[in-house]
Every structure is written in structure tokens, then in C-alpha cells.
Amino acid sequence: MASNEHRNLQDPNIHNPKGFQGANNETVLCKGAGSSYESSDGSLHWSARSTMGVTNYKMQGYSTTAITNYAYGEDINDTKSPFEMVVDYGATTVSAGSLSPSNYFRIGQSCVVSELSKVTSISGWITSNNTNVVTIAICKITPVTGSTGSVVPIVIHEIATTGLGNNNDLARINETTITTDSLAAGDIIFPMIKEEAGGSTLYMNLSIQTTTY
């Protein structure tokens, strides 16, 4: 049997897949759907890596009287959970406070990350009936079994935007450069919100996109 069969070739002698030379950077070779999912007649093509293994985590909430400290969502046992965000974090910066496991685990807006991934974008809208600066912090905590102490959340990304003075006027949020983008399976992610002067009525609706590639 010939020693140069494809399965016997060493790495330096194995060619790149079809279309490799002309493919854009940050793309992945995949097979199209073809005539149906069960068929095998799909053709090979290169797709953007950012579209592979994508998960979107929805975070929506409001505060009828925003505060200058960060605030987070109600406990799941509260009738206004998961949307109302009025629980005072007790600090104007995330690093200056902490949350007990019973607090962060029961935030109604929190999501459990399903797999090792990276945050690629934070997209959505916010409204305010005033023109103060509003800051949203998307945070993560990595729970540890057997640990009952309070934990300082890690900021995935902070977004500061100015309210437009009318809750019918939506201010766009579209962040693609993320401060701390790495997530582990089992991480709990959640939003917090604060306002420069306090007292406004705020609404937010965000999508946190992650990818495994």
C-alpha cells in the first residue's frame, strides 16, 4: 500500500481546505444547509466566525426612581421581578460593593452562562424622562460550591449614555469593544444601573451576545 495515502501524510504535507487562500480572516469553513437538514447536498462555504456558536442573553428592566448608587433587579420572590431594578447596591462603583450568594443568585434578570464563551457585543436601547447620564454595568460572578461569603462582581462592561428627556425617545446602545469579555460555563451575569443625579424613570432593553469561537 502506498505510503503517501492522505491518511499517512504528515502535517507539513497536508494542504489547506478548498477556498482557504481567498477566504477572509476570522472565518470558519462550514457546509450549507442544501435542500434539507437531512440531506448531504450542501456546498462548502466560509462564514464569519462571529456567527458561530452565538448565544444572546436578554436583559430588560426599569426603575421609576433611579438612584446615584448602582441598583440591581428584584429577588425572584418579589412580584415585580424580573424587571424592576431598585435594590440598592450601596456603592457608586461595582468594585466598592459586594453581593451575597442569596442576593446574586436570585436576581430576576440574571442569566447562567451555558458554556465557555466570550462577550462580543452589547446591543439595545435605553430611555429616560431626564437628560442625566445613565450608566449600566453588565457584571459576572463565578459561584463556588461551598462558599457562602459575599463576592465582588466583575464588570464585563460599563456603558454610560445621556438620557433624551422623554421615555418615548430611545437612546441607542451598541458596544462591540468589551472590557472583560471572557465567560466560564456556570457564570452568572446580570445588569446594574445608576444615574448621575437620581430621580428619573429609566427603561432598558439589552441583548448580550456571546460566541464560543
Protein backbone atom coordinates (compact mmCIF):
# COMPACT_ATOMS: atom_id res chain seq x y z
CA MET A 1 0.00 0.00 0.00
CA ALA A 2 1.38 3.40 -0.93
CA SER A 3 2.84 5.35 1.99
CA ASN A 4 1.64 8.63 0.53
CA GLU A 5 -2.04 7.93 1.12
CA HIS A 6 -3.73 11.01 2.51
CA ARG A 7 -4.18 9.46 5.93
CA ASN A 8 -0.44 8.85 6.18
CA LEU A 9 0.66 12.38 5.27
CA GLN A 10 2.39 14.46 7.93
CA ASP A 11 1.17 17.94 8.79
CA PRO A 12 3.60 19.89 6.53
CA ASN A 13 2.34 17.91 3.51
CA ILE A 14 -1.38 18.36 4.13
CA HIS A 15 -2.96 21.09 2.02
CA ASN A 16 -5.34 23.77 3.31
CA PRO A 17 -9.06 23.24 2.65
CA LYS A 18 -10.70 24.50 -0.52
CA GLY A 19 -11.11 28.23 -0.69
CA PHE A 20 -8.63 28.90 2.12
CA GLN A 21 -6.44 31.31 0.17
CA GLY A 22 -9.32 33.58 -0.79
CA ALA A 23 -11.22 33.38 2.49
CA ASN A 24 -11.35 36.43 4.74
CA ASN A 25 -9.67 36.34 8.14
CA GLU A 26 -11.83 35.37 11.14
CA THR A 27 -13.94 32.96 9.07
CA VAL A 28 -14.80 29.27 9.50
CA LEU A 29 -15.34 26.60 6.84
CA CYS A 30 -18.80 25.06 7.07
CA LYS A 31 -21.33 23.23 4.93
CA GLY A 32 -24.51 24.93 3.79
CA ALA A 33 -27.99 23.58 4.51
CA GLY A 34 -28.61 22.32 0.97
CA SER A 35 -32.08 21.06 0.13
CA SER A 36 -32.84 19.98 3.72
CA TYR A 37 -31.23 19.30 7.08
CA GLU A 38 -31.33 15.54 6.48
CA SER A 39 -29.66 15.73 3.04
CA SER A 40 -25.95 15.90 2.25
CA ASP A 41 -26.02 18.12 -0.84
CA GLY A 42 -24.94 21.37 0.82
CA SER A 43 -21.87 23.17 -0.51
CA LEU A 44 -18.81 24.29 1.42
CA HIS A 45 -18.51 27.99 2.22
CA TRP A 46 -16.67 30.28 4.62
CA SER A 47 -18.73 32.09 7.24
CA ALA A 48 -17.79 34.76 9.78
CA ARG A 49 -16.52 33.23 12.99
CA SER A 50 -18.63 35.72 14.95
CA THR A 51 -21.80 33.99 13.70
CA MET A 52 -20.76 30.55 15.01
CA GLY A 53 -21.84 29.31 18.42
CA VAL A 54 -23.74 32.53 19.15
CA THR A 55 -25.94 32.91 22.24
CA ASN A 56 -27.97 36.01 23.13
CA TYR A 57 -28.88 36.83 26.72
CA LYS A 58 -31.80 39.26 27.08
CA MET A 59 -31.69 41.80 29.92
CA GLN A 60 -34.69 44.11 30.28
CA GLY A 61 -35.60 46.30 33.24
CA TYR A 62 -36.79 49.62 34.65
CA SER A 63 -36.54 51.97 37.61
CA THR A 64 -39.22 54.52 38.41
CA THR A 65 -36.90 56.44 40.76
CA ALA A 66 -33.30 55.94 39.71
CA ILE A 67 -30.57 56.38 42.35
CA THR A 68 -26.95 57.54 42.22
CA ASN A 69 -25.72 54.23 43.65
CA TYR A 70 -25.84 51.19 41.43
CA ALA A 71 -29.12 49.28 41.71
CA TYR A 72 -29.91 45.74 40.60
CA GLY A 73 -33.00 43.65 39.92
CA GLU A 74 -35.52 42.41 42.44
CA ASP A 75 -35.34 38.97 44.05
CA ILE A 76 -37.25 36.33 42.09
CA ASN A 77 -39.58 36.06 45.09
CA ASP A 78 -40.72 39.65 44.55
CA THR A 79 -43.84 40.28 42.48
CA LYS A 80 -42.04 42.92 40.38
CA SER A 81 -39.21 40.60 39.47
CA PRO A 82 -37.55 40.20 37.00
CA PHE A 83 -37.91 43.73 35.61
CA GLU A 84 -37.82 46.25 38.47
CA MET A 85 -34.27 47.43 39.32
CA VAL A 86 -34.47 49.21 42.69
CA VAL A 87 -32.32 47.15 45.07
CA ASP A 88 -29.57 49.50 46.29
CA TYR A 89 -26.09 48.03 45.77
CA GLY A 90 -24.75 50.53 48.30
CA ALA A 91 -21.94 51.88 46.13
CA THR A 92 -21.42 54.05 43.05
CA THR A 93 -18.77 51.67 41.67
CA VAL A 94 -19.04 47.91 41.33
CA SER A 95 -15.63 47.30 42.91
CA ALA A 96 -16.70 49.13 46.10
CA GLY A 97 -19.53 46.73 46.95
CA SER A 98 -20.35 43.03 47.09
CA LEU A 99 -23.25 40.59 46.91
CA SER A 100 -24.02 37.51 48.96
CA PRO A 101 -24.83 34.28 47.09
CA SER A 102 -28.51 34.58 48.02
CA ASN A 103 -28.55 38.08 46.51
CA TYR A 104 -26.83 37.49 43.17
CA PHE A 105 -28.33 34.02 42.64
CA ARG A 106 -31.88 35.35 42.96
CA ILE A 107 -31.63 38.48 40.80
CA GLY A 108 -34.56 38.10 38.41
CA GLN A 109 -32.63 39.35 35.37
CA SER A 110 -29.60 37.14 35.96
CA CYS A 111 -28.63 34.51 33.40
CA VAL A 112 -26.45 31.42 33.78
CA VAL A 113 -23.81 31.13 31.05
CA SER A 114 -24.13 27.77 29.31
CA GLU A 115 -20.55 27.30 28.06
CA LEU A 116 -17.08 28.77 27.84
CA SER A 117 -17.54 31.85 25.67
CA LYS A 118 -16.74 35.49 25.03
CA VAL A 119 -18.99 38.54 25.01
CA THR A 120 -18.86 40.05 21.53
CA SER A 121 -21.46 42.80 21.77
CA ILE A 122 -23.98 44.58 23.98
CA SER A 123 -26.82 45.99 21.93
CA GLY A 124 -30.15 47.61 22.70
CA TRP A 125 -31.88 50.76 23.89
CA ILE A 126 -32.46 52.86 26.99
CA THR A 127 -34.96 55.63 27.75
CA SER A 128 -35.10 58.30 30.45
CA ASN A 129 -37.50 61.12 31.22
CA ASN A 130 -34.50 63.33 32.07
CA THR A 131 -31.22 64.28 30.43
CA ASN A 132 -28.85 62.95 33.09
CA VAL A 133 -26.03 60.49 32.42
CA VAL A 134 -27.17 56.90 32.97
CA THR A 135 -24.62 54.12 33.47
CA ILE A 136 -25.28 50.41 33.03
CA ALA A 137 -22.84 47.80 34.30
CA ILE A 138 -23.05 44.26 32.93
CA CYS A 139 -21.47 42.09 35.61
CA LYS A 140 -20.47 38.49 36.21
CA ILE A 141 -19.92 36.31 39.24
CA THR A 142 -18.41 32.82 39.23
CA PRO A 143 -20.15 30.87 42.02
CA VAL A 144 -18.13 28.37 44.05
CA THR A 145 -19.83 25.39 45.67
CA GLY A 146 -19.39 25.50 49.44
CA SER A 147 -18.55 29.22 49.50
CA THR A 148 -21.15 31.30 51.37
CA GLY A 149 -19.28 34.59 51.58
CA SER A 150 -20.08 37.77 49.70
CA VAL A 151 -18.44 38.31 46.33
CA VAL A 152 -17.37 41.46 44.47
CA PRO A 153 -18.84 41.20 40.94
CA ILE A 154 -16.54 41.60 37.95
CA VAL A 155 -17.55 44.24 35.43
CA ILE A 156 -17.88 42.78 31.94
CA HIS A 157 -18.55 46.23 30.55
CA GLU A 158 -19.89 49.62 31.63
CA ILE A 159 -21.95 51.79 29.31
CA ALA A 160 -22.61 55.47 30.01
CA THR A 161 -25.20 57.32 27.93
CA THR A 162 -27.22 60.51 28.27
CA GLY A 163 -30.96 60.35 28.69
CA LEU A 164 -33.01 62.07 25.99
CA GLY A 165 -35.61 63.58 28.33
CA ASN A 166 -38.55 61.53 27.08
CA ASN A 167 -39.39 57.86 27.58
CA ASN A 168 -40.71 57.83 24.02
CA ASP A 169 -37.23 58.75 22.74
CA LEU A 170 -34.92 55.72 22.61
CA ALA A 171 -31.15 56.15 23.08
CA ARG A 172 -29.12 53.52 21.19
CA ILE A 173 -26.58 51.25 22.87
CA ASN A 174 -24.23 49.33 20.61
CA GLU A 175 -20.97 48.19 22.24
CA THR A 176 -18.58 45.89 20.39
CA THR A 177 -15.33 46.50 22.30
CA ILE A 178 -15.86 44.73 25.60
CA THR A 179 -13.70 45.41 28.68
CA THR A 180 -13.71 41.89 30.19
CA ASP A 181 -15.14 39.53 27.59
CA SER A 182 -14.31 36.04 28.91
CA LEU A 183 -17.07 33.90 30.46
CA ALA A 184 -16.94 30.44 32.00
CA ALA A 185 -19.69 27.85 31.98
CA GLY A 186 -21.80 28.45 35.07
CA ASP A 187 -21.00 32.15 35.43
CA ILE A 188 -23.97 34.27 36.46
CA ILE A 189 -24.32 37.53 34.52
CA PHE A 190 -26.64 40.41 35.38
CA PRO A 191 -27.09 44.18 34.88
CA MET A 192 -26.92 47.06 37.34
CA ILE A 193 -27.92 50.66 36.68
CA LYS A 194 -27.31 54.11 38.18
CA GLU A 195 -28.00 57.74 37.30
CA GLU A 196 -25.79 60.78 37.71
CA ALA A 197 -28.35 62.85 39.64
CA GLY A 198 -31.04 60.29 40.51
CA GLY A 199 -34.81 60.52 40.48
CA SER A 200 -35.55 59.69 36.85
CA THR A 201 -37.70 56.97 35.33
CA LEU A 202 -35.48 54.64 33.30
CA TYR A 203 -36.15 51.71 30.99
CA MET A 204 -33.59 49.46 29.32
CA ASN A 205 -33.77 46.56 26.88
CA LEU A 206 -30.46 44.90 26.04
CA SER A 207 -29.11 41.83 24.29
CA ILE A 208 -25.75 40.45 25.45
CA GLN A 209 -24.25 38.39 22.62
CA THR A 210 -21.61 35.72 23.20
CA THR A 211 -19.74 33.37 20.92
CA THR A 212 -17.87 30.15 21.61
CA TYR A 213 -15.35 30.62 18.77
